[in-house]
Amino acid sequence: MQTVALLLFILALILFWWGRRQKRASGLPSGRLVSLDFHDSHRPQAPLFSKRYLLTGRPDYLLQRGKEWIPVEVKTVSEFRQPYEAHIFQLLAYCLLVEETFGVQPRFGYLQYRSRSPADQRHYTYQIEYNQQMKARLLELLDQMHQVEQCGDVPRSHDEPARCRGCGYALICDQRL
């Protein structure tokens, strides 16, 4: 009986060590993983929604540290130099949704870039501040987007064929490249 207990204890230690190693390898910051929306076979949780800002979305991960909620957005890229402005604003929108949903303003969110190449397993994680100044910039951008949405016919804002190929409206767009 003691031998079985000892073997189970050793197995538990090995699994604990392996789990910590996997978490470190993922590059995710510390915190309790509350939600995840990664492209796998699991059914995703409901998105966060703000009626006040007419905004909905679901970060790739949602971490909890005490009373703090921290959104994490993961991007897979072929080449990386610095965080893209569009990705920063996407993360800020998740911070706003977290604030609206849980009633606590996050101080920051994480933006992580992972290499698309299987041979290159590097990742870069950035802590993006969410303060009153960043929130004001986000709200200004959301207001502009709502105004453009009211106009109806909006011209394409880029000359990048790859963006058109990845766009969810490509099949019905008369301006695609």
Protein backbone atom coordinates (compact mmCIF):
# COMPACT_ATOMS: atom_id res chain seq x y z
CA MET A 1 0.00 0.00 0.00
CA GLN A 2 2.85 2.37 0.86
CA THR A 3 4.51 1.61 -2.48
CA VAL A 4 1.34 2.60 -4.39
CA ALA A 5 1.05 5.83 -2.38
CA LEU A 6 4.71 6.63 -3.07
CA LEU A 7 4.28 5.98 -6.81
CA LEU A 8 1.17 8.19 -6.93
CA PHE A 9 3.04 10.96 -5.10
CA ILE A 10 5.95 10.74 -7.57
CA LEU A 11 3.50 10.77 -10.50
CA ALA A 12 1.79 13.86 -9.05
CA LEU A 13 5.16 15.64 -8.76
CA ILE A 14 6.05 14.77 -12.36
CA LEU A 15 2.68 16.03 -13.64
CA PHE A 16 3.01 19.23 -11.59
CA TRP A 17 6.52 19.83 -12.97
CA TRP A 18 5.39 19.10 -16.54
CA GLY A 19 2.39 21.47 -16.23
CA ARG A 20 4.57 24.34 -14.96
CA ARG A 21 7.05 23.68 -17.77
CA GLN A 22 4.25 23.81 -20.38
CA LYS A 23 2.92 27.08 -18.95
CA ARG A 24 6.40 28.65 -19.03
CA ALA A 25 6.88 27.44 -22.62
CA SER A 26 3.59 29.08 -23.64
CA GLY A 27 4.89 32.48 -22.55
CA LEU A 28 1.61 33.27 -20.79
CA PRO A 29 1.92 35.59 -17.81
CA SER A 30 1.06 34.27 -14.36
CA GLY A 31 -2.52 34.21 -13.12
CA ARG A 32 -5.47 31.87 -12.97
CA LEU A 33 -6.67 31.04 -16.48
CA VAL A 34 -10.38 31.83 -16.36
CA SER A 35 -11.35 31.75 -20.01
CA LEU A 36 -9.82 30.79 -23.27
CA ASP A 37 -10.90 31.29 -26.85
CA PHE A 38 -8.23 29.51 -28.76
CA HIS A 39 -9.06 27.75 -31.98
CA ASP A 40 -9.55 24.21 -30.75
CA SER A 41 -12.35 21.71 -30.48
CA HIS A 42 -13.66 23.04 -27.17
CA ARG A 43 -16.85 25.09 -27.20
CA PRO A 44 -15.88 28.72 -26.60
CA GLN A 45 -17.43 30.69 -23.78
CA ALA A 46 -19.87 33.49 -24.52
CA PRO A 47 -18.23 36.73 -25.67
CA LEU A 48 -18.06 39.80 -23.47
CA PHE A 49 -20.61 42.46 -24.42
CA SER A 50 -21.08 46.15 -23.69
CA LYS A 51 -24.49 47.58 -24.47
CA ARG A 52 -23.17 51.04 -23.56
CA TYR A 53 -20.45 50.97 -26.24
CA LEU A 54 -22.14 48.53 -28.67
CA LEU A 55 -19.06 46.36 -28.50
CA THR A 56 -18.58 42.62 -28.23
CA GLY A 57 -15.55 40.36 -28.26
CA ARG A 58 -13.65 37.57 -26.60
CA PRO A 59 -9.92 37.72 -25.82
CA ASP A 60 -7.86 34.61 -26.48
CA TYR A 61 -7.24 34.28 -22.74
CA LEU A 62 -8.65 35.92 -19.65
CA LEU A 63 -6.44 35.74 -16.56
CA GLN A 64 -7.49 36.50 -13.02
CA ARG A 65 -5.10 37.68 -10.31
CA GLY A 66 -7.04 38.37 -7.13
CA LYS A 67 -9.69 40.92 -8.09
CA GLU A 68 -7.85 41.84 -11.29
CA TRP A 69 -9.01 40.58 -14.72
CA ILE A 70 -6.38 40.65 -17.46
CA PRO A 71 -7.15 40.05 -21.15
CA VAL A 72 -4.50 38.35 -23.27
CA GLU A 73 -4.55 38.48 -27.07
CA VAL A 74 -2.27 36.15 -29.05
CA LYS A 75 -1.22 36.86 -32.62
CA THR A 76 0.64 34.47 -34.91
CA VAL A 77 2.95 36.30 -37.30
CA SER A 78 5.47 35.44 -40.00
CA GLU A 79 7.70 38.38 -39.18
CA PHE A 80 7.77 40.60 -36.13
CA ARG A 81 9.21 44.03 -35.40
CA GLN A 82 6.88 45.73 -32.90
CA PRO A 83 3.23 45.55 -31.79
CA TYR A 84 0.79 46.66 -34.47
CA GLU A 85 -1.46 49.59 -33.62
CA ALA A 86 -4.59 47.65 -34.67
CA HIS A 87 -3.63 44.83 -32.29
CA ILE A 88 -3.08 47.30 -29.45
CA PHE A 89 -6.54 48.80 -29.98
CA GLN A 90 -8.09 45.34 -30.16
CA LEU A 91 -6.53 44.54 -26.77
CA LEU A 92 -7.71 47.90 -25.38
CA ALA A 93 -11.24 47.03 -26.55
CA TYR A 94 -11.01 43.80 -24.55
CA CYS A 95 -9.86 45.85 -21.53
CA LEU A 96 -12.95 48.05 -21.95
CA LEU A 97 -15.17 44.96 -22.19
CA VAL A 98 -13.57 43.50 -19.05
CA GLU A 99 -14.20 46.79 -17.24
CA GLU A 100 -17.85 46.84 -18.36
CA THR A 101 -18.43 43.16 -17.56
CA PHE A 102 -16.70 42.85 -14.18
CA GLY A 103 -16.85 46.46 -12.94
CA VAL A 104 -13.08 46.63 -12.41
CA GLN A 105 -10.83 48.55 -14.77
CA PRO A 106 -7.78 46.47 -15.72
CA ARG A 107 -4.47 48.30 -15.39
CA PHE A 108 -3.14 46.52 -18.48
CA GLY A 109 -3.56 43.63 -20.90
CA TYR A 110 -1.06 41.37 -22.61
CA LEU A 111 -0.37 41.21 -26.33
CA GLN A 112 1.63 38.16 -27.34
CA TYR A 113 3.21 37.47 -30.72
CA ARG A 114 4.12 33.91 -31.67
CA SER A 115 6.12 32.85 -34.70
CA ARG A 116 4.18 31.15 -37.49
CA SER A 117 7.19 28.94 -38.28
CA PRO A 118 7.26 25.58 -36.47
CA ALA A 119 11.06 25.81 -36.45
CA ASP A 120 10.94 29.15 -34.62
CA GLN A 121 9.21 28.82 -31.25
CA ARG A 122 9.95 32.35 -30.05
CA HIS A 123 7.24 34.54 -28.60
CA TYR A 124 7.16 38.16 -27.53
CA THR A 125 4.80 39.32 -24.81
CA TYR A 126 3.99 43.00 -24.28
CA GLN A 127 2.18 44.50 -21.35
CA ILE A 128 -0.07 47.23 -22.80
CA GLU A 129 -1.19 49.87 -20.32
CA TYR A 130 -4.90 50.60 -20.01
CA ASN A 131 -5.28 53.99 -18.38
CA GLN A 132 -7.60 56.97 -18.85
CA GLN A 133 -5.57 58.33 -21.76
CA MET A 134 -5.62 55.01 -23.65
CA LYS A 135 -9.31 54.55 -22.85
CA ALA A 136 -10.07 58.02 -24.24
CA ARG A 137 -8.19 57.18 -27.48
CA LEU A 138 -10.13 53.92 -27.77
CA LEU A 139 -13.49 55.63 -27.19
CA GLU A 140 -12.62 58.22 -29.83
CA LEU A 141 -11.81 55.45 -32.31
CA LEU A 142 -15.05 53.59 -31.46
CA ASP A 143 -17.00 56.80 -32.02
CA GLN A 144 -15.36 57.25 -35.43
CA MET A 145 -16.18 53.65 -36.32
CA HIS A 146 -19.84 54.10 -35.34
CA GLN A 147 -20.03 57.29 -37.43
CA VAL A 148 -18.56 55.52 -40.47
CA GLU A 149 -20.97 52.64 -39.94
CA GLN A 150 -23.89 55.08 -40.17
CA CYS A 151 -22.65 56.32 -43.58
CA GLY A 152 -23.35 52.99 -45.23
CA ASP A 153 -21.05 52.81 -48.26
CA VAL A 154 -17.46 53.00 -46.99
CA PRO A 155 -14.44 52.75 -49.33
CA ARG A 156 -11.71 50.17 -48.70
CA SER A 157 -9.02 51.60 -46.41
CA HIS A 158 -5.97 49.71 -47.70
CA ASP A 159 -4.18 48.27 -50.75
CA GLU A 160 -3.19 44.91 -49.24
CA PRO A 161 -4.43 41.81 -51.11
CA ALA A 162 -3.58 39.57 -48.13
CA ARG A 163 -5.96 41.53 -45.89
CA CYS A 164 -8.71 41.13 -48.47
CA ARG A 165 -8.13 37.36 -48.66
CA GLY A 166 -8.47 37.08 -44.88
CA CYS A 167 -11.50 39.36 -44.61
CA GLY A 168 -14.83 37.93 -43.51
CA TYR A 169 -16.64 40.11 -46.06
CA ALA A 170 -14.50 39.10 -49.06
CA LEU A 171 -17.28 37.12 -50.73
CA ILE A 172 -19.70 40.07 -50.78
CA CYS A 173 -17.25 42.96 -51.17
CA ASP A 174 -17.18 44.82 -54.49
CA GLN A 175 -13.86 46.52 -53.61
CA ARG A 176 -11.70 43.48 -52.85
CA LEU A 177 -8.24 43.25 -54.36
